[in-house]
Amino acid sequence: MILESLRIALRQFLRRPVRSLLVLQGTTWGVALAVFFPALIEGSRENALERASELGLDRLVLEADPTGRPLTRADFESLQTELAGEVQDMAAARVIAVEVQSGASAGKLWLIVETTPGYPGARSYPVARGHFPTTSPEDATIPVAIDPALAREMYGENEALGRALTVQLFDTTEDEPTGVPRTLRIVGRMSQRTEQALSANDLGIDEDHRLAGIAKSMLRSLGIAMDRDDWKQSDHMLYLPLDSLAPEQPLSEIVLRAPPEKIDRLSDRAQLLLADRGIVPLSFSNAGFRVIMNSEIDRYEPLNIALFTTVLVMGAFMIANITLFSVMERYREIAIRRVEGATRRAIVMQFLFEGLILCLIGGLIGVPLGVGLAKLRALLDPGVVMTVHVPVGRSLLAVALATLSGVLASILPARRAARIEPVEALRHE
């Protein structure tokens, strides 16, 4: 009896597919709504926790406002002392321009980074071969680490370690070299960073995203301005010990690494310490992480549940009304089934199965619709944190509740259909 009722219910759905699809709109959108929020938020949270270092969620970057006093090594050492035990890694960096004096790149201007030994840890950018330069020796040779892309460009597939090149500090204001040429010797090769790690800036915005400019404009209107630091998104850099070539120049940044959940508190403390030293500090960290991990966003969950429930109830009313109308349309069909021997229970089961199938199909359509809308939202977000996963548990629950609502909505029409007397129904026809 159950299989026969199911077969008739499926046949009825396929007989009028357009009307059936219109009827299940409430169920479809209700399930999509229930899936959308957890697919986006929970997916982004999982992505953030699993890839915190790669996405820079555990990183805090401090710079000095260009209108005030610049950062110095003394400021870095002061922060290092004050924040000892609160950070996992800490480094100071100074970006300088040099003119290459030897090899195939002779005459070219390069940007290179003077930094402290903690730089690979602070930037989550480890050394793949050799070691990271720590201090400059007393002789004229300066140890450097090289980015893998630059190593391939300069030396092809040959080993870069041990190679030497000569550079001279370049004064960008005077547009001419200054000082004496110095020899750099490669002692380390950095690891290959992912495309996403290279394109993300210190605010967690993908600089290559089409909407990155809009996002940065919105942040700028809020007083958060950040120009693109090409050297941070470059894989053609050299790294040498701090003060090797330009000890008199100011620092470009101080970068710290700490657990993501401590970054906000660490930012406040570091800015206060720098302000006490007469610096107007600028602090940069991943903005998207603070949004998705904020407990305030969880307050929207009851609203999401309320909307889901409201849409399901509206869908159930629609199914109940359409099914009642269907009963009136199908008096003859019901009467013939009764004459052929169908029991009242079989008639009830038939209409209950019709409601069940309608809402089950609507729910199964709603899950990919909700996930698809969440993916569209994530694609439109220039932040590197936003991503999507399929919330299996929430999806199954939403489909189950939607199916149950269809069954409940079909009870009244099913009972009415079961009470139809064959003779009266045929006379009505």
Protein backbone atom coordinates (compact mmCIF):
# COMPACT_ATOMS: atom_id res chain seq x y z
CA MET A 1 0.00 0.00 0.00
CA ILE A 2 2.80 2.39 0.87
CA LEU A 3 4.63 1.75 -2.41
CA GLU A 4 1.42 2.22 -4.38
CA SER A 5 0.67 5.50 -2.57
CA LEU A 6 4.23 6.68 -3.22
CA ARG A 7 3.97 5.79 -6.92
CA ILE A 8 0.70 7.72 -7.29
CA ALA A 9 2.14 10.69 -5.42
CA LEU A 10 5.19 10.82 -7.72
CA ARG A 11 2.95 10.53 -10.78
CA GLN A 12 0.86 13.42 -9.51
CA PHE A 13 4.01 15.55 -9.01
CA LEU A 14 5.22 14.81 -12.54
CA ARG A 15 1.80 15.40 -14.06
CA ARG A 16 1.93 19.10 -13.20
CA PRO A 17 5.60 19.90 -12.55
CA VAL A 18 5.27 23.68 -12.97
CA ARG A 19 2.50 23.97 -10.43
CA SER A 20 4.35 21.61 -8.11
CA LEU A 21 7.52 23.71 -8.30
CA LEU A 22 5.54 26.87 -7.59
CA VAL A 23 3.92 25.24 -4.58
CA LEU A 24 7.25 24.23 -3.04
CA GLN A 25 8.76 27.75 -3.27
CA GLY A 26 8.20 28.37 0.44
CA THR A 27 9.96 25.15 1.40
CA THR A 28 12.82 25.75 -1.03
CA TRP A 29 13.57 29.27 0.16
CA GLY A 30 13.05 28.33 3.80
CA VAL A 31 15.70 25.61 3.59
CA ALA A 32 18.00 27.87 1.53
CA LEU A 33 17.73 30.52 4.23
CA ALA A 34 18.48 27.98 6.95
CA VAL A 35 21.59 26.77 5.11
CA PHE A 36 22.96 30.11 3.89
CA PHE A 37 24.01 31.58 7.24
CA PRO A 38 25.87 28.57 8.70
CA ALA A 39 27.43 27.74 5.32
CA LEU A 40 29.00 31.19 5.18
CA ILE A 41 29.83 31.91 8.83
CA GLU A 42 30.84 28.44 9.98
CA GLY A 43 32.79 27.86 6.77
CA SER A 44 34.69 31.11 7.22
CA ARG A 45 35.40 30.36 10.87
CA GLU A 46 36.75 26.92 10.07
CA ASN A 47 38.88 28.36 7.28
CA ALA A 48 40.22 31.04 9.61
CA LEU A 49 41.20 28.61 12.36
CA GLU A 50 42.75 26.07 9.99
CA ARG A 51 44.75 28.59 7.93
CA ALA A 52 45.40 31.35 10.47
CA SER A 53 49.10 31.75 9.68
CA GLU A 54 48.72 31.55 5.90
CA LEU A 55 45.97 34.18 5.91
CA GLY A 56 47.80 36.44 8.34
CA LEU A 57 45.16 36.22 11.06
CA ASP A 58 47.83 35.88 13.73
CA ARG A 59 49.75 38.92 12.50
CA LEU A 60 49.77 42.53 13.70
CA VAL A 61 51.62 45.20 11.71
CA LEU A 62 52.60 48.51 13.27
CA GLU A 63 53.67 51.57 11.29
CA ALA A 64 54.20 55.22 12.10
CA ASP A 65 51.93 57.91 10.70
CA PRO A 66 53.93 59.70 7.97
CA THR A 67 53.06 63.07 9.52
CA GLY A 68 54.76 62.21 12.82
CA ARG A 69 58.03 60.79 14.13
CA PRO A 70 59.20 57.67 12.26
CA LEU A 71 59.85 54.29 13.82
CA THR A 72 63.40 53.54 14.93
CA ARG A 73 65.27 50.48 16.12
CA ALA A 74 65.04 51.82 19.68
CA ASP A 75 61.22 51.76 19.40
CA PHE A 76 61.35 48.16 18.24
CA GLU A 77 63.65 47.13 21.09
CA SER A 78 61.40 48.90 23.59
CA LEU A 79 58.34 47.01 22.30
CA GLN A 80 60.34 43.79 22.34
CA THR A 81 61.03 44.28 26.04
CA GLU A 82 57.51 45.36 26.99
CA LEU A 83 55.71 42.64 25.04
CA ALA A 84 58.03 39.76 25.91
CA GLY A 85 55.91 36.72 26.68
CA GLU A 86 52.82 38.12 24.93
CA VAL A 87 53.97 37.54 21.35
CA GLN A 88 55.21 34.43 19.59
CA ASP A 89 57.49 36.25 17.15
CA MET A 90 58.43 39.85 16.51
CA ALA A 91 60.50 41.61 13.85
CA ALA A 92 61.42 45.04 12.56
CA ALA A 93 61.72 45.69 8.82
CA ARG A 94 63.19 48.47 6.73
CA VAL A 95 62.65 48.60 2.97
CA ILE A 96 65.49 50.22 1.04
CA ALA A 97 66.36 50.76 -2.61
CA VAL A 98 69.61 49.47 -4.09
CA GLU A 99 71.17 49.47 -7.54
CA VAL A 100 72.54 46.13 -8.71
CA GLN A 101 76.19 46.39 -9.74
CA SER A 102 76.89 42.87 -11.01
CA GLY A 103 75.43 40.04 -13.06
CA ALA A 104 72.61 40.07 -15.59
CA SER A 105 70.61 42.51 -13.46
CA ALA A 106 73.34 45.16 -13.33
CA GLY A 107 71.92 48.68 -13.47
CA LYS A 108 68.48 47.67 -12.16
CA LEU A 109 66.90 49.14 -9.06
CA TRP A 110 65.67 46.68 -6.46
CA LEU A 111 63.77 47.01 -3.23
CA ILE A 112 65.28 44.83 -0.52
CA VAL A 113 64.39 44.28 3.13
CA GLU A 114 66.62 44.82 6.12
CA THR A 115 65.13 42.93 9.03
CA THR A 116 65.68 41.13 12.30
CA PRO A 117 65.97 37.34 12.84
CA GLY A 118 62.33 36.99 13.88
CA TYR A 119 61.00 37.99 10.45
CA PRO A 120 60.28 34.47 9.08
CA GLY A 121 58.30 33.60 12.21
CA ALA A 122 56.48 36.92 12.43
CA ARG A 123 55.43 36.76 8.78
CA SER A 124 54.87 32.97 8.81
CA TYR A 125 57.33 32.77 5.94
CA PRO A 126 59.90 30.08 6.74
CA VAL A 127 63.24 29.34 5.11
CA ALA A 128 63.20 26.33 2.76
CA ARG A 129 66.96 25.86 2.37
CA GLY A 130 69.96 27.20 4.22
CA HIS A 131 69.27 29.67 7.02
CA PHE A 132 67.91 33.17 7.55
CA PRO A 133 70.64 35.82 8.02
CA THR A 134 70.92 36.99 11.60
CA THR A 135 73.84 39.40 11.88
CA SER A 136 76.27 40.93 9.41
CA PRO A 137 79.88 39.76 9.74
CA GLU A 138 82.65 42.26 10.21
CA ASP A 139 83.91 41.87 6.63
CA ALA A 140 82.28 43.44 3.59
CA THR A 141 80.16 40.40 2.68
CA ILE A 142 76.52 40.59 3.86
CA PRO A 143 74.47 37.38 4.21
CA VAL A 144 71.03 37.44 2.56
CA ALA A 145 68.05 35.18 2.01
CA ILE A 146 66.34 35.17 -1.38
CA ASP A 147 62.76 34.67 -2.53
CA PRO A 148 62.35 31.50 -4.65
CA ALA A 149 60.95 33.32 -7.71
CA LEU A 150 63.91 35.72 -7.75
CA ALA A 151 66.32 32.80 -7.33
CA ARG A 152 64.82 31.05 -10.36
CA GLU A 153 64.91 34.26 -12.38
CA MET A 154 68.57 34.89 -11.59
CA TYR A 155 70.01 31.37 -11.52
CA GLY A 156 67.45 29.15 -13.23
CA GLU A 157 67.43 25.65 -11.80
CA ASN A 158 70.96 26.03 -10.42
CA GLU A 159 71.51 26.29 -6.68
CA ALA A 160 71.33 29.88 -5.45
CA LEU A 161 73.01 29.26 -2.08
CA GLY A 162 76.57 30.54 -1.97
CA ARG A 163 76.09 32.89 -4.93
CA ALA A 164 77.23 36.50 -4.57
CA LEU A 165 76.12 39.79 -6.10
CA THR A 166 77.12 43.39 -5.62
CA VAL A 167 74.69 46.21 -4.83
CA GLN A 168 74.93 49.87 -3.89
CA LEU A 169 72.49 51.83 -1.75
CA PHE A 170 70.32 54.12 -3.88
CA ASP A 171 69.07 57.52 -2.71
CA THR A 172 65.56 57.84 -4.15
CA THR A 173 65.33 61.55 -3.26
CA GLU A 174 68.53 62.43 -5.12
CA ASP A 175 67.94 59.72 -7.74
CA GLU A 176 71.51 58.46 -7.56
CA PRO A 177 73.57 55.75 -5.84
CA THR A 178 75.17 56.57 -2.52
CA GLY A 179 77.82 54.99 -0.33
CA VAL A 180 80.10 52.20 -1.51
CA PRO A 181 79.18 48.96 -3.30
CA ARG A 182 78.64 45.99 -1.00
CA THR A 183 78.78 42.27 -1.68
CA LEU A 184 75.78 40.14 -0.75
CA ARG A 185 76.10 36.38 -0.35
CA ILE A 186 73.01 34.14 -0.46
CA VAL A 187 72.81 31.91 2.61
CA GLY A 188 69.12 31.00 2.54
CA ARG A 189 66.20 30.47 0.17
CA MET A 190 62.71 31.26 1.40
CA SER A 191 59.76 28.89 0.95
CA GLN A 192 57.18 29.30 -1.82
CA ARG A 193 54.15 31.25 -0.63
CA THR A 194 50.64 30.52 -1.90
CA GLU A 195 48.95 32.89 -4.34
CA GLN A 196 46.47 33.92 -1.67
CA ALA A 197 49.25 34.69 0.83
CA LEU A 198 50.98 36.84 -1.79
CA SER A 199 47.88 38.79 -2.79
CA ALA A 200 46.55 39.50 0.72
CA ASN A 201 47.51 42.78 2.39
CA ASP A 202 47.80 43.36 6.12
CA LEU A 203 44.06 44.12 6.40
CA GLY A 204 43.21 40.71 4.94
CA ILE A 205 42.02 42.15 1.61
CA ASP A 206 42.91 40.31 -1.59
CA GLU A 207 44.61 43.03 -3.64
CA ASP A 208 43.89 41.12 -6.87
CA HIS A 209 40.13 40.93 -6.21
CA ARG A 210 37.98 43.05 -8.50
CA LEU A 211 36.21 44.66 -5.56
CA ALA A 212 39.36 45.32 -3.52
CA GLY A 213 39.33 49.00 -4.50
CA ILE A 214 35.76 49.44 -3.26
CA ALA A 215 36.54 47.72 0.04
CA LYS A 216 39.61 49.89 0.60
CA SER A 217 37.62 53.02 -0.24
CA MET A 218 35.03 52.08 2.37
CA LEU A 219 37.76 51.49 4.96
CA ARG A 220 39.36 54.80 4.01
CA SER A 221 36.05 56.55 4.65
CA LEU A 222 36.19 55.06 8.16
CA GLY A 223 39.67 56.46 8.67
CA ILE A 224 41.50 53.21 7.87
CA ALA A 225 43.83 53.98 4.98
CA MET A 226 46.36 51.57 3.54
CA ASP A 227 48.35 51.98 0.36
CA ARG A 228 49.47 48.87 -1.44
CA ASP A 229 52.87 47.70 -0.19
CA ASP A 230 54.14 45.97 -3.31
CA TRP A 231 57.18 44.59 -1.54
CA LYS A 232 54.95 42.55 0.80
CA GLN A 233 53.09 41.02 -2.14
CA SER A 234 56.31 40.42 -4.08
CA ASP A 235 58.14 37.13 -4.42
CA HIS A 236 61.27 38.85 -5.77
CA MET A 237 62.84 40.15 -2.58
CA LEU A 238 66.14 39.83 -0.72
CA TYR A 239 66.33 39.82 3.09
CA LEU A 240 69.42 40.93 4.99
CA PRO A 241 70.23 41.78 8.61
CA LEU A 242 68.88 45.08 9.94
CA ASP A 243 71.25 48.07 9.66
CA SER A 244 73.50 46.32 7.10
CA LEU A 245 73.22 49.08 4.49
CA ALA A 246 71.05 51.93 5.78
CA PRO A 247 71.12 52.16 9.61
CA GLU A 248 70.19 55.84 9.48
CA GLN A 249 66.89 55.28 7.67
CA PRO A 250 63.62 54.81 9.64
CA LEU A 251 61.92 51.45 9.99
CA SER A 252 59.12 50.63 7.59
CA GLU A 253 57.19 48.45 10.04
CA ILE A 254 57.20 46.34 13.14
CA VAL A 255 55.39 43.02 12.76
CA LEU A 256 54.23 40.75 15.57
CA ARG A 257 52.70 37.28 15.63
CA ALA A 258 50.36 36.10 18.36
CA PRO A 259 47.27 33.86 18.69
CA PRO A 260 44.48 35.39 16.53
CA GLU A 261 42.15 35.88 19.49
CA LYS A 262 44.78 38.06 21.23
CA ILE A 263 45.56 40.35 18.30
CA ASP A 264 43.02 43.08 19.16
CA ARG A 265 44.20 43.39 22.77
CA LEU A 266 47.83 43.29 21.65
CA SER A 267 47.14 46.04 19.11
CA ASP A 268 45.73 48.36 21.79
CA ARG A 269 48.68 47.73 24.09
CA ALA A 270 51.32 48.19 21.39
CA GLN A 271 49.75 51.44 20.18
CA LEU A 272 49.73 52.83 23.72
CA LEU A 273 53.39 51.92 24.18
CA LEU A 274 54.35 53.62 20.90
CA ALA A 275 52.22 56.67 21.70
CA ASP A 276 54.10 57.02 24.99
CA ARG A 277 57.29 57.23 22.93
CA GLY A 278 55.94 60.11 20.83
CA ILE A 279 54.82 58.12 17.80
CA VAL A 280 51.43 58.33 16.10
CA PRO A 281 50.93 54.59 15.53
CA LEU A 282 49.04 52.87 12.74
CA SER A 283 47.91 49.31 13.39
CA PHE A 284 46.88 46.76 10.74
CA SER A 285 45.42 43.30 11.18
CA ASN A 286 42.91 41.11 9.37
CA ALA A 287 39.58 42.94 9.54
CA GLY A 288 37.45 40.06 8.30
CA PHE A 289 38.56 37.77 11.12
CA ARG A 290 37.28 40.18 13.75
CA VAL A 291 33.88 40.24 12.05
CA ILE A 292 33.31 36.51 11.63
CA MET A 293 34.65 35.61 15.09
CA ASN A 294 32.73 38.34 16.88
CA SER A 295 30.19 36.83 19.28
CA GLU A 296 27.76 39.59 18.26
CA ILE A 297 27.20 37.83 14.95
CA ASP A 298 25.80 34.81 16.80
CA ARG A 299 22.90 36.98 17.96
CA TYR A 300 21.55 36.81 14.42
CA GLU A 301 21.08 33.05 14.73
CA PRO A 302 17.65 33.34 16.47
CA LEU A 303 16.56 35.75 13.73
CA ASN A 304 17.68 33.27 11.11
CA ILE A 305 15.70 30.50 12.83
CA ALA A 306 12.65 32.76 13.09
CA LEU A 307 12.79 33.59 9.38
CA PHE A 308 13.24 29.91 8.53
CA THR A 309 10.22 28.99 10.64
CA THR A 310 8.09 31.79 9.19
CA VAL A 311 8.87 30.81 5.62
CA LEU A 312 8.18 27.15 6.36
CA VAL A 313 4.82 27.98 7.96
CA MET A 314 3.88 30.09 4.94
CA GLY A 315 4.95 27.24 2.68
CA ALA A 316 2.90 24.78 4.73
CA PHE A 317 -0.22 26.97 4.41
CA MET A 318 0.33 27.15 0.67
CA ILE A 319 0.68 23.37 0.44
CA ALA A 320 -2.44 22.86 2.54
CA ASN A 321 -4.49 25.19 0.35
CA ILE A 322 -3.20 23.79 -2.93
CA THR A 323 -3.75 20.23 -1.70
CA LEU A 324 -7.34 21.08 -0.68
CA PHE A 325 -7.89 22.52 -4.13
CA SER A 326 -6.36 19.39 -5.62
CA VAL A 327 -8.79 17.21 -3.64
CA MET A 328 -11.72 19.16 -5.13
CA GLU A 329 -10.25 18.75 -8.62
CA ARG A 330 -9.72 15.02 -8.22
CA TYR A 331 -13.12 13.85 -6.92
CA ARG A 332 -13.48 11.47 -9.87
CA GLU A 333 -9.99 10.03 -9.45
CA ILE A 334 -10.56 9.47 -5.71
CA ALA A 335 -13.95 7.88 -6.34
CA ILE A 336 -12.56 5.48 -8.94
CA ARG A 337 -9.78 4.45 -6.56
CA ARG A 338 -12.35 3.80 -3.83
CA VAL A 339 -14.48 1.74 -6.25
CA GLU A 340 -11.40 -0.26 -7.22
CA GLY A 341 -10.91 -1.17 -3.56
CA ALA A 342 -8.68 1.57 -2.11
CA THR A 343 -9.31 2.07 1.60
CA ARG A 344 -9.68 5.36 3.37
CA ARG A 345 -6.24 4.80 4.82
CA ALA A 346 -4.77 4.36 1.33
CA ILE A 347 -6.32 7.66 0.23
CA VAL A 348 -4.90 9.40 3.32
CA MET A 349 -1.46 7.90 2.66
CA GLN A 350 -1.58 9.05 -0.97
CA PHE A 351 -2.12 12.70 -0.08
CA LEU A 352 0.34 12.58 2.83
CA PHE A 353 2.97 11.22 0.45
CA GLU A 354 2.19 13.99 -2.03
CA GLY A 355 2.89 16.61 0.65
CA LEU A 356 5.98 14.72 1.78
CA ILE A 357 7.40 14.47 -1.75
CA LEU A 358 6.68 18.11 -2.48
CA CYS A 359 8.53 19.35 0.59
CA LEU A 360 11.33 16.79 0.32
CA ILE A 361 12.07 17.90 -3.25
CA GLY A 362 11.78 21.54 -2.18
CA GLY A 363 14.22 20.93 0.67
CA LEU A 364 16.67 19.08 -1.55
CA ILE A 365 16.59 22.01 -3.98
CA GLY A 366 16.93 24.49 -1.11
CA VAL A 367 20.24 23.05 0.19
CA PRO A 368 22.30 23.65 -3.00
CA LEU A 369 20.48 26.96 -3.48
CA GLY A 370 21.53 28.14 0.00
CA VAL A 371 25.11 26.93 -0.47
CA GLY A 372 25.24 28.52 -3.92
CA LEU A 373 24.06 31.88 -2.57
CA ALA A 374 26.67 31.63 0.21
CA LYS A 375 29.38 30.94 -2.38
CA LEU A 376 28.22 33.93 -4.42
CA ARG A 377 28.46 36.10 -1.29
CA ALA A 378 31.95 34.77 -0.57
CA LEU A 379 33.09 35.42 -4.15
CA LEU A 380 31.94 39.03 -3.89
CA ASP A 381 33.94 39.56 -0.69
CA PRO A 382 37.54 40.71 -1.28
CA GLY A 383 38.56 39.43 2.15
CA VAL A 384 40.71 36.29 2.16
CA VAL A 385 38.88 34.77 5.15
CA MET A 386 35.40 34.42 3.68
CA THR A 387 34.69 30.92 2.37
CA VAL A 388 31.92 28.34 2.40
CA HIS A 389 31.37 24.77 3.51
CA VAL A 390 28.29 22.57 3.40
CA PRO A 391 26.73 22.39 6.90
CA VAL A 392 25.64 18.75 6.67
CA GLY A 393 23.94 18.61 10.06
CA ARG A 394 22.02 21.86 9.57
CA SER A 395 21.06 20.85 6.02
CA LEU A 396 19.66 17.47 7.10
CA LEU A 397 17.73 19.10 9.93
CA ALA A 398 16.29 21.78 7.65
CA VAL A 399 15.20 19.22 5.03
CA ALA A 400 13.69 17.00 7.75
CA LEU A 401 11.71 19.90 9.24
CA ALA A 402 10.59 21.03 5.81
CA THR A 403 9.42 17.50 4.96
CA LEU A 404 7.60 17.23 8.27
CA SER A 405 5.85 20.54 7.61
CA GLY A 406 4.63 19.17 4.28
CA VAL A 407 3.24 16.06 5.92
CA LEU A 408 1.48 18.08 8.64
CA ALA A 409 0.08 20.49 6.06
CA SER A 410 -1.39 17.56 4.11
CA ILE A 411 -3.25 15.97 7.02
CA LEU A 412 -6.43 18.04 6.70
CA PRO A 413 -6.70 17.66 2.88
CA ALA A 414 -5.92 13.94 3.21
CA ARG A 415 -8.68 13.41 5.79
CA ARG A 416 -11.12 15.32 3.61
CA ALA A 417 -10.22 13.19 0.60
CA ALA A 418 -10.66 10.01 2.65
CA ARG A 419 -14.21 11.03 3.65
CA ILE A 420 -15.36 11.28 0.02
CA GLU A 421 -18.03 8.70 -0.79
CA PRO A 422 -17.59 7.17 -4.27
CA VAL A 423 -21.26 7.43 -5.25
CA GLU A 424 -21.49 11.08 -4.17
CA ALA A 425 -18.25 11.90 -5.93
CA LEU A 426 -19.37 10.34 -9.21
CA ARG A 427 -22.76 12.08 -8.96
CA HIS A 428 -20.86 15.37 -8.41
CA GLU A 429 -18.87 14.70 -11.60
